[in-house]
Amino acid sequence: VALDKIEMAGSIDQIKDVQAYIDSAAIKKAYNYVYQKVGKDFAAETSNAVKPLAKAKDDSLQDEWAKQMERYLDTYAATRVVAVANQTGVRFKREISKAINDGIQRGLSIDDIKRNLVNSIENMTAVRARVIARTEVVGASNQGSLIGAQSSGISLNKQWITAHNKVPPRPAHKKADGQTVGLYEQFTVGGEKMNSPGDVTASAENVINCRCTVIYTRKV
């Protein structure tokens, strides 16, 4: 949508209309899909995994974690959408200003400026899309898993597991590896309280590109 609007712009002022490029409805739709699909799948998976630890089977567990995920979406999805839209707007504005200033200095036509801007934004959005997707899938899966564990009615601990791969974990997450707290308690990560990796209430420094996860064990 953004690239189409840039290509249809007939003046520098129209190119500068950053907010016209930000489709909050599309962002919200994507977030709802991720949290509904990924979050609920992980809630079900965790709920089913801890069921054998329960003394009796509770057929209402599936309904309970589904309702909790709905409440979580209602509470936090809108905030997340606004944040992403605002951040995307800032990045668009930076790319637009750069393309326009460069084009004016070089004496380029509006069509040339638009072409350069489209290429720049295509590269920017591709990278940003990967970062957002990774961040939100981790957040949705861990939140869904937490809801599944909490809805089980079993006394559990949760343990932060830091991802160790080609990309070294950030120092705060490396230090948090293995940290164990009660199911309804919060982890302390880099001085910040978090319910799980990817917690939407945490700072960007603690969630962007995070690959960490949580495991659950029965309290002794």
C-alpha atoms as a PDB file:
ATOM      1  CA  VAL A   1       0.000   0.000   0.000  1.00  0.00           C
ATOM      2  CA  ALA A   2       2.734   2.451   0.950  1.00  0.00           C
ATOM      3  CA  LEU A   3       4.704   1.827  -2.234  1.00  0.00           C
ATOM      4  CA  ASP A   4       1.589   2.258  -4.379  1.00  0.00           C
ATOM      5  CA  LYS A   5       0.859   5.618  -2.744  1.00  0.00           C
ATOM      6  CA  ILE A   6       4.429   6.782  -3.279  1.00  0.00           C
ATOM      7  CA  GLU A   7       4.290   5.826  -6.937  1.00  0.00           C
ATOM      8  CA  MET A   8       0.981   7.705  -7.386  1.00  0.00           C
ATOM      9  CA  ALA A   9       2.247  10.879  -5.684  1.00  0.00           C
ATOM     10  CA  GLY A  10       2.315  13.858  -8.002  1.00  0.00           C
ATOM     11  CA  SER A  11       4.302  16.269  -5.875  1.00  0.00           C
ATOM     12  CA  ILE A  12       6.959  16.494  -3.166  1.00  0.00           C
ATOM     13  CA  ASP A  13       4.262  17.410  -0.617  1.00  0.00           C
ATOM     14  CA  GLN A  14       2.328  14.247  -1.400  1.00  0.00           C
ATOM     15  CA  ILE A  15       5.484  12.178  -1.022  1.00  0.00           C
ATOM     16  CA  LYS A  16       6.025  13.764   2.398  1.00  0.00           C
ATOM     17  CA  ASP A  17       2.563  12.697   3.619  1.00  0.00           C
ATOM     18  CA  VAL A  18       3.979   9.974   5.870  1.00  0.00           C
ATOM     19  CA  GLN A  19       0.766   9.099   7.687  1.00  0.00           C
ATOM     20  CA  ALA A  20      -0.908   8.227   4.402  1.00  0.00           C
ATOM     21  CA  TYR A  21       1.494   5.305   4.143  1.00  0.00           C
ATOM     22  CA  ILE A  22       0.739   3.806   7.552  1.00  0.00           C
ATOM     23  CA  ASP A  23      -2.103   1.275   7.459  1.00  0.00           C
ATOM     24  CA  SER A  24      -2.892   0.700  11.146  1.00  0.00           C
ATOM     25  CA  ALA A  25      -5.833  -1.536  10.265  1.00  0.00           C
ATOM     26  CA  ALA A  26      -3.554  -3.901   8.361  1.00  0.00           C
ATOM     27  CA  ILE A  27      -1.041  -3.922  11.221  1.00  0.00           C
ATOM     28  CA  LYS A  28      -3.820  -4.702  13.728  1.00  0.00           C
ATOM     29  CA  LYS A  29      -5.139  -7.501  11.535  1.00  0.00           C
ATOM     30  CA  ALA A  30      -1.674  -9.060  11.350  1.00  0.00           C
ATOM     31  CA  TYR A  31      -1.192  -8.836  15.120  1.00  0.00           C
ATOM     32  CA  ASN A  32      -4.566 -10.382  15.822  1.00  0.00           C
ATOM     33  CA  TYR A  33      -3.764 -13.256  13.485  1.00  0.00           C
ATOM     34  CA  VAL A  34      -0.375 -13.923  15.089  1.00  0.00           C
ATOM     35  CA  TYR A  35      -1.674 -13.870  18.651  1.00  0.00           C
ATOM     36  CA  GLN A  36      -4.835 -15.812  17.842  1.00  0.00           C
ATOM     37  CA  LYS A  37      -3.054 -18.512  15.862  1.00  0.00           C
ATOM     38  CA  VAL A  38       0.388 -18.808  17.464  1.00  0.00           C
ATOM     39  CA  GLY A  39      -0.633 -17.823  20.984  1.00  0.00           C
ATOM     40  CA  LYS A  40      -3.571 -20.194  21.180  1.00  0.00           C
ATOM     41  CA  ASP A  41      -1.611 -23.061  19.643  1.00  0.00           C
ATOM     42  CA  PHE A  42       1.091 -22.711  22.271  1.00  0.00           C
ATOM     43  CA  ALA A  43      -1.477 -22.323  25.038  1.00  0.00           C
ATOM     44  CA  ALA A  44      -3.055 -25.602  23.965  1.00  0.00           C
ATOM     45  CA  GLU A  45       0.324 -27.308  23.643  1.00  0.00           C
ATOM     46  CA  THR A  46       1.450 -26.268  27.117  1.00  0.00           C
ATOM     47  CA  SER A  47      -1.918 -27.025  28.683  1.00  0.00           C
ATOM     48  CA  ASN A  48      -1.876 -30.506  27.185  1.00  0.00           C
ATOM     49  CA  ALA A  49       1.731 -31.028  28.243  1.00  0.00           C
ATOM     50  CA  VAL A  50       1.094 -30.279  31.920  1.00  0.00           C
ATOM     51  CA  LYS A  51      -2.216 -32.119  32.126  1.00  0.00           C
ATOM     52  CA  PRO A  52      -0.563 -35.439  33.022  1.00  0.00           C
ATOM     53  CA  LEU A  53       0.741 -33.737  36.163  1.00  0.00           C
ATOM     54  CA  ALA A  54      -2.777 -32.932  37.324  1.00  0.00           C
ATOM     55  CA  LYS A  55      -4.660 -35.221  39.687  1.00  0.00           C
ATOM     56  CA  ALA A  56      -7.806 -35.030  37.581  1.00  0.00           C
ATOM     57  CA  LYS A  57      -8.580 -34.103  34.004  1.00  0.00           C
ATOM     58  CA  ASP A  58     -10.286 -30.741  33.597  1.00  0.00           C
ATOM     59  CA  ASP A  59     -12.203 -30.465  30.329  1.00  0.00           C
ATOM     60  CA  SER A  60     -12.659 -26.707  30.791  1.00  0.00           C
ATOM     61  CA  LEU A  61      -8.936 -25.932  30.361  1.00  0.00           C
ATOM     62  CA  GLN A  62      -9.191 -25.305  26.621  1.00  0.00           C
ATOM     63  CA  ASP A  63     -12.007 -22.792  27.083  1.00  0.00           C
ATOM     64  CA  GLU A  64     -10.154 -21.056  29.896  1.00  0.00           C
ATOM     65  CA  TRP A  65      -6.886 -20.409  28.050  1.00  0.00           C
ATOM     66  CA  ALA A  66      -8.812 -19.331  24.955  1.00  0.00           C
ATOM     67  CA  LYS A  67     -10.669 -16.710  27.003  1.00  0.00           C
ATOM     68  CA  GLN A  68      -7.442 -15.528  28.628  1.00  0.00           C
ATOM     69  CA  MET A  69      -5.778 -15.056  25.242  1.00  0.00           C
ATOM     70  CA  GLU A  70      -8.773 -13.018  24.110  1.00  0.00           C
ATOM     71  CA  ARG A  71      -8.448 -10.773  27.155  1.00  0.00           C
ATOM     72  CA  TYR A  72      -4.726 -10.453  26.566  1.00  0.00           C
ATOM     73  CA  LEU A  73      -5.354  -9.374  22.967  1.00  0.00           C
ATOM     74  CA  ASP A  74      -7.969  -6.849  24.022  1.00  0.00           C
ATOM     75  CA  THR A  75      -5.592  -5.366  26.599  1.00  0.00           C
ATOM     76  CA  TYR A  76      -2.292  -5.256  24.735  1.00  0.00           C
ATOM     77  CA  ALA A  77      -2.790  -5.658  20.965  1.00  0.00           C
ATOM     78  CA  ALA A  78      -3.989  -2.076  20.440  1.00  0.00           C
ATOM     79  CA  THR A  79      -0.992  -0.683  22.328  1.00  0.00           C
ATOM     80  CA  ARG A  80       1.371  -2.802  20.255  1.00  0.00           C
ATOM     81  CA  VAL A  81      -0.245  -1.697  16.985  1.00  0.00           C
ATOM     82  CA  VAL A  82       0.087   1.986  17.894  1.00  0.00           C
ATOM     83  CA  ALA A  83       3.738   1.494  18.832  1.00  0.00           C
ATOM     84  CA  VAL A  84       4.586  -0.288  15.583  1.00  0.00           C
ATOM     85  CA  ALA A  85       2.671   2.264  13.506  1.00  0.00           C
ATOM     86  CA  ASN A  86       4.500   5.124  15.221  1.00  0.00           C
ATOM     87  CA  GLN A  87       7.905   3.478  14.849  1.00  0.00           C
ATOM     88  CA  THR A  88       7.205   2.702  11.202  1.00  0.00           C
ATOM     89  CA  GLY A  89       6.134   6.299  10.644  1.00  0.00           C
ATOM     90  CA  VAL A  90       9.416   7.569  12.094  1.00  0.00           C
ATOM     91  CA  ARG A  91      11.404   5.279   9.821  1.00  0.00           C
ATOM     92  CA  PHE A  92       9.322   6.232   6.769  1.00  0.00           C
ATOM     93  CA  LYS A  93       9.820   9.914   7.536  1.00  0.00           C
ATOM     94  CA  ARG A  94      13.573   9.429   7.767  1.00  0.00           C
ATOM     95  CA  GLU A  95      13.733   7.568   4.457  1.00  0.00           C
ATOM     96  CA  ILE A  96      11.464  10.110   2.755  1.00  0.00           C
ATOM     97  CA  SER A  97      13.517  13.087   3.959  1.00  0.00           C
ATOM     98  CA  LYS A  98      16.716  11.390   2.860  1.00  0.00           C
ATOM     99  CA  ALA A  99      15.363  10.573  -0.612  1.00  0.00           C
ATOM    100  CA  ILE A 100      13.896  14.046  -1.159  1.00  0.00           C
ATOM    101  CA  ASN A 101      16.986  15.927   0.039  1.00  0.00           C
ATOM    102  CA  ASP A 102      19.267  13.716  -2.013  1.00  0.00           C
ATOM    103  CA  GLY A 103      17.028  14.101  -5.066  1.00  0.00           C
ATOM    104  CA  ILE A 104      16.873  17.879  -4.787  1.00  0.00           C
ATOM    105  CA  GLN A 105      20.652  18.170  -4.395  1.00  0.00           C
ATOM    106  CA  ARG A 106      21.165  15.977  -7.454  1.00  0.00           C
ATOM    107  CA  GLY A 107      18.479  17.742  -9.490  1.00  0.00           C
ATOM    108  CA  LEU A 108      16.406  14.587  -9.915  1.00  0.00           C
ATOM    109  CA  SER A 109      12.843  14.585 -11.216  1.00  0.00           C
ATOM    110  CA  ILE A 110       9.904  13.617  -8.985  1.00  0.00           C
ATOM    111  CA  ASP A 111       9.703  10.273 -10.792  1.00  0.00           C
ATOM    112  CA  ASP A 112      13.389   9.589 -10.051  1.00  0.00           C
ATOM    113  CA  ILE A 113      12.921  10.580  -6.401  1.00  0.00           C
ATOM    114  CA  LYS A 114       9.906   8.288  -6.110  1.00  0.00           C
ATOM    115  CA  ARG A 115      11.819   5.420  -7.714  1.00  0.00           C
ATOM    116  CA  ASN A 116      14.733   5.810  -5.303  1.00  0.00           C
ATOM    117  CA  LEU A 117      12.370   6.101  -2.355  1.00  0.00           C
ATOM    118  CA  VAL A 118      10.459   2.960  -3.330  1.00  0.00           C
ATOM    119  CA  ASN A 119      13.711   0.986  -3.505  1.00  0.00           C
ATOM    120  CA  SER A 120      14.831   2.341  -0.142  1.00  0.00           C
ATOM    121  CA  ILE A 121      11.525   1.554   1.572  1.00  0.00           C
ATOM    122  CA  GLU A 122      11.359  -1.915   0.035  1.00  0.00           C
ATOM    123  CA  ASN A 123      14.715  -2.726   1.622  1.00  0.00           C
ATOM    124  CA  MET A 124      13.753  -1.115   4.935  1.00  0.00           C
ATOM    125  CA  THR A 125      10.368  -2.827   5.199  1.00  0.00           C
ATOM    126  CA  ALA A 126      11.774  -6.248   4.327  1.00  0.00           C
ATOM    127  CA  VAL A 127      14.278  -6.069   7.175  1.00  0.00           C
ATOM    128  CA  ARG A 128      11.753  -4.540   9.571  1.00  0.00           C
ATOM    129  CA  ALA A 129       9.121  -7.139   8.699  1.00  0.00           C
ATOM    130  CA  ARG A 130      11.505  -9.951   9.630  1.00  0.00           C
ATOM    131  CA  VAL A 131      12.350  -8.279  12.947  1.00  0.00           C
ATOM    132  CA  ILE A 132       8.693  -7.646  13.821  1.00  0.00           C
ATOM    133  CA  ALA A 133       7.621 -11.141  12.801  1.00  0.00           C
ATOM    134  CA  ARG A 134      10.339 -12.805  14.886  1.00  0.00           C
ATOM    135  CA  THR A 135       9.652 -10.574  17.882  1.00  0.00           C
ATOM    136  CA  GLU A 136       5.888 -11.022  17.853  1.00  0.00           C
ATOM    137  CA  VAL A 137       5.903 -14.767  17.206  1.00  0.00           C
ATOM    138  CA  VAL A 138       8.186 -15.210  20.228  1.00  0.00           C
ATOM    139  CA  GLY A 139       5.946 -12.935  22.298  1.00  0.00           C
ATOM    140  CA  ALA A 140       2.750 -14.685  21.211  1.00  0.00           C
ATOM    141  CA  SER A 141       4.120 -18.192  21.712  1.00  0.00           C
ATOM    142  CA  ASN A 142       5.493 -17.465  25.186  1.00  0.00           C
ATOM    143  CA  GLN A 143       2.357 -15.628  26.292  1.00  0.00           C
ATOM    144  CA  GLY A 144       0.191 -18.428  24.970  1.00  0.00           C
ATOM    145  CA  SER A 145       2.360 -20.970  26.750  1.00  0.00           C
ATOM    146  CA  LEU A 146       2.090 -18.990  30.007  1.00  0.00           C
ATOM    147  CA  ILE A 147      -1.692 -18.793  29.717  1.00  0.00           C
ATOM    148  CA  GLY A 148      -1.847 -22.524  29.070  1.00  0.00           C
ATOM    149  CA  ALA A 149       0.246 -23.228  32.162  1.00  0.00           C
ATOM    150  CA  GLN A 150      -1.722 -20.836  34.371  1.00  0.00           C
ATOM    151  CA  SER A 151      -5.066 -22.258  33.275  1.00  0.00           C
ATOM    152  CA  SER A 152      -4.005 -25.779  34.232  1.00  0.00           C
ATOM    153  CA  GLY A 153      -4.620 -25.177  37.910  1.00  0.00           C
ATOM    154  CA  ILE A 154      -1.350 -26.955  38.732  1.00  0.00           C
ATOM    155  CA  SER A 155       1.290 -25.498  41.052  1.00  0.00           C
ATOM    156  CA  LEU A 156       4.199 -24.799  38.692  1.00  0.00           C
ATOM    157  CA  ASN A 157       7.452 -22.900  38.424  1.00  0.00           C
ATOM    158  CA  LYS A 158       8.606 -21.286  35.214  1.00  0.00           C
ATOM    159  CA  GLN A 159      12.203 -21.107  34.018  1.00  0.00           C
ATOM    160  CA  TRP A 160      13.723 -18.644  31.544  1.00  0.00           C
ATOM    161  CA  ILE A 161      15.651 -20.416  28.778  1.00  0.00           C
ATOM    162  CA  THR A 162      17.966 -18.211  26.747  1.00  0.00           C
ATOM    163  CA  ALA A 163      18.504 -19.067  23.086  1.00  0.00           C
ATOM    164  CA  HIS A 164      22.125 -19.825  22.222  1.00  0.00           C
ATOM    165  CA  ASN A 165      22.754 -19.800  18.485  1.00  0.00           C
ATOM    166  CA  LYS A 166      24.825 -17.959  15.889  1.00  0.00           C
ATOM    167  CA  VAL A 167      23.699 -14.612  17.283  1.00  0.00           C
ATOM    168  CA  PRO A 168      25.027 -14.168  20.844  1.00  0.00           C
ATOM    169  CA  PRO A 169      22.254 -13.342  23.337  1.00  0.00           C
ATOM    170  CA  ARG A 170      22.171  -9.864  24.811  1.00  0.00           C
ATOM    171  CA  PRO A 171      23.977  -9.729  28.187  1.00  0.00           C
ATOM    172  CA  ALA A 172      20.788  -9.343  30.218  1.00  0.00           C
ATOM    173  CA  HIS A 173      19.236 -12.434  28.615  1.00  0.00           C
ATOM    174  CA  LYS A 174      22.422 -14.439  28.970  1.00  0.00           C
ATOM    175  CA  LYS A 175      22.402 -13.638  32.682  1.00  0.00           C
ATOM    176  CA  ALA A 176      18.707 -14.549  32.940  1.00  0.00           C
ATOM    177  CA  ASP A 177      19.281 -18.030  31.519  1.00  0.00           C
ATOM    178  CA  GLY A 178      18.007 -20.617  33.995  1.00  0.00           C
ATOM    179  CA  GLN A 179      16.298 -18.078  36.248  1.00  0.00           C
ATOM    180  CA  THR A 180      13.362 -19.807  37.965  1.00  0.00           C
ATOM    181  CA  VAL A 181      10.340 -18.126  39.566  1.00  0.00           C
ATOM    182  CA  GLY A 182       6.813 -19.062  40.530  1.00  0.00           C
ATOM    183  CA  LEU A 183       4.198 -19.342  37.798  1.00  0.00           C
ATOM    184  CA  TYR A 184       2.586 -16.015  38.733  1.00  0.00           C
ATOM    185  CA  GLU A 185       5.831 -14.249  39.592  1.00  0.00           C
ATOM    186  CA  GLN A 186       7.964 -12.161  37.234  1.00  0.00           C
ATOM    187  CA  PHE A 187      11.469 -12.665  35.954  1.00  0.00           C
ATOM    188  CA  THR A 188      14.007  -9.906  36.529  1.00  0.00           C
ATOM    189  CA  VAL A 189      15.835  -9.292  33.260  1.00  0.00           C
ATOM    190  CA  GLY A 190      18.271  -6.408  33.007  1.00  0.00           C
ATOM    191  CA  GLY A 191      16.605  -4.811  36.010  1.00  0.00           C
ATOM    192  CA  GLU A 192      13.181  -5.065  34.355  1.00  0.00           C
ATOM    193  CA  LYS A 193      10.238  -7.225  35.429  1.00  0.00           C
ATOM    194  CA  MET A 194       8.906  -9.563  32.737  1.00  0.00           C
ATOM    195  CA  ASN A 195       6.241 -12.263  32.757  1.00  0.00           C
ATOM    196  CA  SER A 196       7.919 -14.144  29.918  1.00  0.00           C
ATOM    197  CA  PRO A 197      10.262 -13.568  26.956  1.00  0.00           C
ATOM    198  CA  GLY A 198       8.670 -11.152  24.509  1.00  0.00           C
ATOM    199  CA  ASP A 199       6.471  -9.625  27.224  1.00  0.00           C
ATOM    200  CA  VAL A 200       4.658  -6.724  25.535  1.00  0.00           C
ATOM    201  CA  THR A 201       4.909  -4.616  28.691  1.00  0.00           C
ATOM    202  CA  ALA A 202       8.724  -4.751  28.603  1.00  0.00           C
ATOM    203  CA  SER A 203      11.050  -2.294  26.873  1.00  0.00           C
ATOM    204  CA  ALA A 204      12.041  -2.679  23.246  1.00  0.00           C
ATOM    205  CA  GLU A 205      15.613  -3.421  24.364  1.00  0.00           C
ATOM    206  CA  ASN A 206      14.377  -6.566  26.083  1.00  0.00           C
ATOM    207  CA  VAL A 207      12.037  -7.924  23.406  1.00  0.00           C
ATOM    208  CA  ILE A 208      13.188  -6.997  19.897  1.00  0.00           C
ATOM    209  CA  ASN A 209      14.677 -10.029  18.144  1.00  0.00           C
ATOM    210  CA  CYS A 210      14.429 -12.071  21.351  1.00  0.00           C
ATOM    211  CA  ARG A 211      14.482 -15.853  20.802  1.00  0.00           C
ATOM    212  CA  CYS A 212      14.234 -16.931  24.429  1.00  0.00           C
ATOM    213  CA  THR A 213      11.561 -19.251  25.788  1.00  0.00           C
ATOM    214  CA  VAL A 214      10.149 -20.654  29.033  1.00  0.00           C
ATOM    215  CA  ILE A 215       9.769 -24.157  30.437  1.00  0.00           C
ATOM    216  CA  TYR A 216       7.501 -25.241  33.285  1.00  0.00           C
ATOM    217  CA  THR A 217       8.160 -27.640  36.136  1.00  0.00           C
ATOM    218  CA  ARG A 218       5.961 -28.791  38.971  1.00  0.00           C
ATOM    219  CA  LYS A 219       6.682 -27.245  42.365  1.00  0.00           C
ATOM    220  CA  VAL A 220       8.100 -29.728  44.825  1.00  0.00           C
END
